[in-house]
Protein backbone atom coordinates (compact mmCIF):
# COMPACT_ATOMS: atom_id res chain seq x y z
CA GLU A 1 0.00 0.00 0.00
CA LYS A 2 2.91 2.35 0.64
CA PRO A 3 4.89 3.43 -2.48
CA LEU A 4 8.47 2.12 -2.44
CA ILE A 5 9.78 4.69 -4.92
CA GLU A 6 8.44 8.14 -5.80
CA ARG A 7 9.53 10.92 -8.15
CA LEU A 8 12.71 9.09 -9.15
CA SER A 9 14.30 10.19 -12.41
CA PHE A 10 17.79 9.78 -13.85
CA SER A 11 19.50 9.06 -17.17
CA VAL A 12 22.57 6.89 -17.75
CA ARG A 13 24.48 7.06 -21.04
CA ALA A 14 25.83 3.97 -22.80
CA GLY A 15 29.13 2.85 -21.29
CA GLN A 16 28.68 4.75 -18.03
CA LYS A 17 29.04 3.29 -14.54
CA ALA A 18 26.17 4.33 -12.27
CA ALA A 19 26.45 3.50 -8.58
CA ILE A 20 23.29 3.27 -6.46
CA VAL A 21 23.96 3.92 -2.78
CA GLY A 22 21.89 4.35 0.35
CA PRO A 23 20.97 2.73 3.66
CA THR A 24 19.20 -0.63 3.95
CA GLY A 25 15.63 -0.35 2.70
CA ALA A 26 16.30 2.82 0.72
CA GLY A 27 15.14 1.33 -2.59
CA LYS A 28 18.43 0.24 -4.23
CA THR A 29 17.31 -3.32 -5.01
CA THR A 30 13.86 -2.11 -6.09
CA ILE A 31 15.50 0.06 -8.78
CA VAL A 32 17.36 -3.00 -10.10
CA ASN A 33 14.14 -5.05 -10.04
CA LEU A 34 12.42 -2.35 -12.08
CA LEU A 35 15.24 -2.29 -14.64
CA MET A 36 14.86 -6.06 -15.10
CA ARG A 37 11.05 -5.85 -15.21
CA PHE A 38 10.55 -8.03 -12.15
CA TYR A 39 8.14 -5.21 -11.30
CA ASP A 40 6.54 -2.60 -13.54
CA PRO A 41 6.13 0.98 -12.29
CA LYS A 42 2.55 2.11 -11.66
CA SER A 43 3.36 5.39 -13.37
CA GLY A 44 6.27 6.78 -15.36
CA ARG A 45 8.48 4.81 -17.72
CA ILE A 46 11.88 3.16 -18.03
CA GLU A 47 13.56 3.40 -21.42
CA ILE A 48 16.48 1.54 -22.96
CA ASP A 49 17.76 3.17 -26.16
CA GLY A 50 14.60 5.30 -26.22
CA ARG A 51 12.20 2.33 -26.01
CA ASN A 52 9.78 1.93 -23.12
CA ILE A 53 10.64 -1.47 -21.63
CA GLY A 54 7.03 -1.85 -20.55
CA GLU A 55 6.24 -2.40 -24.23
CA ILE A 56 8.99 -5.02 -24.71
CA ASN A 57 8.72 -8.72 -23.89
CA ARG A 58 10.15 -9.35 -20.40
CA GLU A 59 12.49 -12.05 -21.69
CA ASN A 60 13.88 -9.67 -24.34
CA VAL A 61 14.50 -7.01 -21.69
CA ARG A 62 16.36 -9.45 -19.42
CA GLU A 63 18.45 -10.79 -22.31
CA GLN A 64 20.20 -7.41 -22.40
CA PHE A 65 21.49 -7.75 -18.83
CA SER A 66 24.20 -9.74 -17.08
CA MET A 67 23.98 -9.92 -13.30
CA VAL A 68 26.46 -10.63 -10.53
CA LEU A 69 24.65 -10.56 -7.21
CA GLN A 70 25.72 -10.74 -3.60
CA ASP A 71 23.85 -14.04 -3.22
CA THR A 72 25.50 -16.31 -5.77
CA TRP A 73 23.30 -18.68 -7.73
CA LEU A 74 24.76 -22.02 -8.83
CA PHE A 75 22.78 -25.14 -9.69
CA GLU A 76 23.58 -28.83 -9.20
CA GLY A 77 25.66 -29.62 -12.26
CA THR A 78 29.27 -29.46 -13.36
CA VAL A 79 31.38 -26.32 -13.06
CA TYR A 80 31.44 -26.21 -16.86
CA GLU A 81 27.62 -26.38 -17.10
CA ASN A 82 27.21 -23.63 -14.50
CA ILE A 83 29.37 -21.24 -16.51
CA ALA A 84 28.20 -22.30 -19.98
CA TYR A 85 24.64 -21.59 -18.78
CA GLY A 86 25.37 -17.94 -19.57
CA LYS A 87 25.44 -18.44 -23.35
CA GLU A 88 23.90 -20.81 -25.91
CA GLY A 89 26.13 -22.85 -28.24
CA VAL A 90 29.27 -22.02 -26.29
CA THR A 91 32.62 -23.73 -26.89
CA LYS A 92 35.01 -25.18 -24.31
CA GLU A 93 37.61 -22.58 -25.32
CA GLU A 94 35.14 -19.73 -24.64
CA VAL A 95 34.26 -21.10 -21.19
CA GLU A 96 37.94 -21.46 -20.24
CA ALA A 97 38.72 -17.95 -21.56
CA ALA A 98 35.89 -16.52 -19.42
CA CYS A 99 37.26 -18.35 -16.38
CA ARG A 100 40.76 -17.00 -16.98
CA ALA A 101 39.31 -13.47 -17.25
CA ALA A 102 37.48 -14.02 -13.95
CA TYR A 103 40.57 -15.46 -12.18
CA CYS A 104 38.90 -18.81 -11.47
CA ASP A 105 40.52 -21.12 -14.06
CA ARG A 106 43.34 -21.94 -11.67
CA PHE A 107 41.26 -23.14 -8.71
CA ILE A 108 38.84 -24.98 -11.05
CA ARG A 109 41.73 -27.09 -12.37
CA LEU A 110 42.64 -27.99 -8.77
CA LEU A 111 39.16 -29.46 -8.15
CA PRO A 112 38.87 -33.29 -8.18
CA LYS A 113 37.56 -33.40 -11.76
CA GLY A 114 38.41 -29.89 -12.89
CA TYR A 115 35.67 -28.38 -15.04
CA GLU A 116 33.69 -31.64 -14.79
CA THR A 117 33.45 -31.44 -10.98
CA VAL A 118 29.77 -31.54 -9.97
CA ILE A 119 28.70 -28.67 -7.72
CA THR A 120 26.57 -29.85 -4.80
CA ASP A 121 26.07 -28.72 -1.20
CA SER A 122 29.05 -30.89 -0.25
CA THR A 123 31.44 -29.41 -2.86
CA SER A 124 34.04 -27.41 -0.96
CA LEU A 125 33.84 -24.02 -2.70
CA SER A 126 34.27 -20.84 -0.70
CA GLY A 127 31.88 -17.91 -1.05
CA GLY A 128 34.54 -16.01 -2.97
CA GLN A 129 35.13 -18.89 -5.40
CA LYS A 130 31.39 -19.12 -6.08
CA GLN A 131 31.32 -15.38 -6.75
CA LEU A 132 34.18 -15.72 -9.26
CA LEU A 133 32.23 -18.46 -11.07
CA THR A 134 29.23 -16.16 -11.46
CA ILE A 135 31.56 -13.42 -12.75
CA ALA A 136 32.93 -15.91 -15.32
CA ARG A 137 29.34 -16.62 -16.38
CA ALA A 138 28.79 -12.87 -16.88
CA PHE A 139 32.02 -12.60 -18.92
CA LEU A 140 30.75 -15.39 -21.15
CA SER A 141 27.27 -13.94 -21.68
CA ASP A 142 28.82 -10.55 -22.61
CA LYS A 143 25.61 -8.48 -22.42
CA PRO A 144 25.65 -4.68 -22.98
CA LEU A 145 24.04 -3.92 -19.60
CA LEU A 146 25.48 -5.12 -16.31
CA ILE A 147 24.05 -5.17 -12.78
CA LEU A 148 26.53 -5.70 -9.96
CA ASP A 149 25.87 -6.16 -6.29
CA GLU A 150 29.49 -5.59 -5.37
CA ALA A 151 29.46 -6.76 -1.76
CA THR A 152 32.37 -8.99 -0.85
CA SER A 153 31.37 -9.81 2.72
CA ASN A 154 32.74 -12.97 4.34
CA VAL A 155 35.54 -13.18 1.77
CA ASP A 156 39.24 -13.34 2.58
CA THR A 157 41.39 -10.39 1.51
CA ARG A 158 43.15 -12.19 -1.35
CA THR A 159 39.88 -13.39 -2.89
CA GLU A 160 38.33 -9.95 -2.40
CA ILE A 161 41.15 -8.42 -4.46
CA LEU A 162 40.58 -11.00 -7.21
CA ILE A 163 36.82 -10.34 -7.21
CA GLN A 164 37.38 -6.59 -7.46
CA LYS A 165 39.90 -7.03 -10.29
CA ALA A 166 37.52 -9.36 -12.15
CA MET A 167 34.62 -6.93 -11.72
CA ASP A 168 36.72 -4.01 -12.98
CA LYS A 169 37.55 -6.01 -16.13
CA LEU A 170 33.94 -7.11 -16.54
CA MET A 171 32.63 -3.52 -16.42
CA LYS A 172 34.80 -2.24 -19.27
CA GLY A 173 32.71 -1.14 -22.25
CA LYS A 174 29.40 -1.93 -20.54
CA THR A 175 26.66 0.22 -19.07
CA CYS A 176 26.82 -0.69 -15.39
CA PHE A 177 24.49 -0.33 -12.45
CA VAL A 178 26.36 -1.04 -9.21
CA ILE A 179 24.55 -1.49 -5.92
CA ALA A 180 27.29 -0.14 -3.71
CA HIS A 181 27.84 -1.25 -0.12
CA ARG A 182 31.45 -0.24 0.41
CA LEU A 183 31.53 3.33 -0.91
CA SER A 184 35.31 3.29 -1.36
CA THR A 185 34.79 0.93 -4.33
CA ILE A 186 32.67 3.38 -6.36
CA VAL A 187 34.53 6.69 -6.00
CA ASN A 188 35.40 6.55 -9.73
CA ALA A 189 31.81 5.95 -10.90
CA ASP A 190 30.54 8.29 -13.63
CA MET A 191 27.41 8.88 -11.58
CA ILE A 192 26.49 8.22 -7.97
CA ILE A 193 22.78 8.05 -7.19
CA ALA A 194 22.11 8.32 -3.46
CA VAL A 195 18.64 7.14 -2.49
CA ASP A 196 16.78 7.27 0.80
CA ASN A 197 13.18 6.24 1.44
CA GLY A 198 12.64 5.62 -2.27
CA ARG A 199 13.76 9.05 -3.44
CA ILE A 200 16.95 10.42 -4.95
CA VAL A 201 18.54 12.70 -2.37
CA ASP A 202 21.88 13.26 -4.14
CA ILE A 203 23.16 12.67 -7.66
CA GLY A 204 26.57 13.47 -9.17
CA THR A 205 30.20 12.36 -9.09
CA HIS A 206 32.02 11.44 -5.88
CA ARG A 207 33.93 14.73 -5.87
CA GLN A 208 30.83 16.83 -6.56
CA LEU A 209 28.83 15.16 -3.81
CA LEU A 210 31.61 15.51 -1.24
CA GLU A 211 31.84 19.23 -2.04
CA GLU A 212 28.07 19.60 -1.63
CA ASP A 213 28.39 18.02 1.84
CA GLY A 214 24.91 16.50 1.72
CA PHE A 215 23.47 13.04 2.36
CA TYR A 216 26.12 11.14 0.35
CA ALA A 217 29.01 13.02 1.99
CA LYS A 218 27.71 12.13 5.45
CA LEU A 219 27.22 8.50 4.39
CA TYR A 220 30.75 8.31 2.94
CA ASN A 221 32.45 10.08 5.86
CA SER A 222 30.71 7.93 8.48
CA GLN A 223 31.76 4.76 6.64
CA TYR A 224 35.33 6.05 6.23
CA ALA A 225 35.52 6.87 9.95
CA LEU A 226 34.22 3.38 10.80
CA GLN A 227 36.86 1.77 8.58
CA LYS A 228 39.61 3.79 10.31
CA GLU A 229 38.35 2.66 13.72
CA THR A 230 38.24 -0.98 12.59
CA ASN A 231 41.79 -0.78 11.21
């Protein structure tokens, strides 16, 4: 009954990296769900290349996006099948190239059956390794639009560095929407969209928003101070 998002309007150019930031419950995930047409807005419109996505088949809309989410999704099947799932008619060489790009080829080859190892609940893959597999899947699918939930919680430092490097490579040449948790990772975004209670409260680059000393600046400075205390 209560609107989740109101009076929200922004435009992202092809090839730009747009970061969506804000506290829990602010509407970040809802924006992503709207882009993918998991929901349709009750009013207003979302356009891709000037076309209202509400007039396009849902499957066709989603085919334009790759996603790497905080909660990794892998099914019971081989490592190869889980990655090849991202693209029809894929070759072994393409799968292995995607895994090298995502820094997971090495640990895959150390598994009992390499790429033919079956992923089950008992397969000993860390959270970070699972994340790298989903990044490899996104490399393989090579869609023009990319949604990233860039959280790397519960990941060791070395794997976190690999995930960040893989994501940086993955984003090149794509229009990216990044749900940002750790604000230090999105300071170079072309556009930062700060949302709170379903509304945009700040929009601009990291430098612009720090100079304006508004909602985003307070969010960033409080997180930076917390990191200093933790260290």
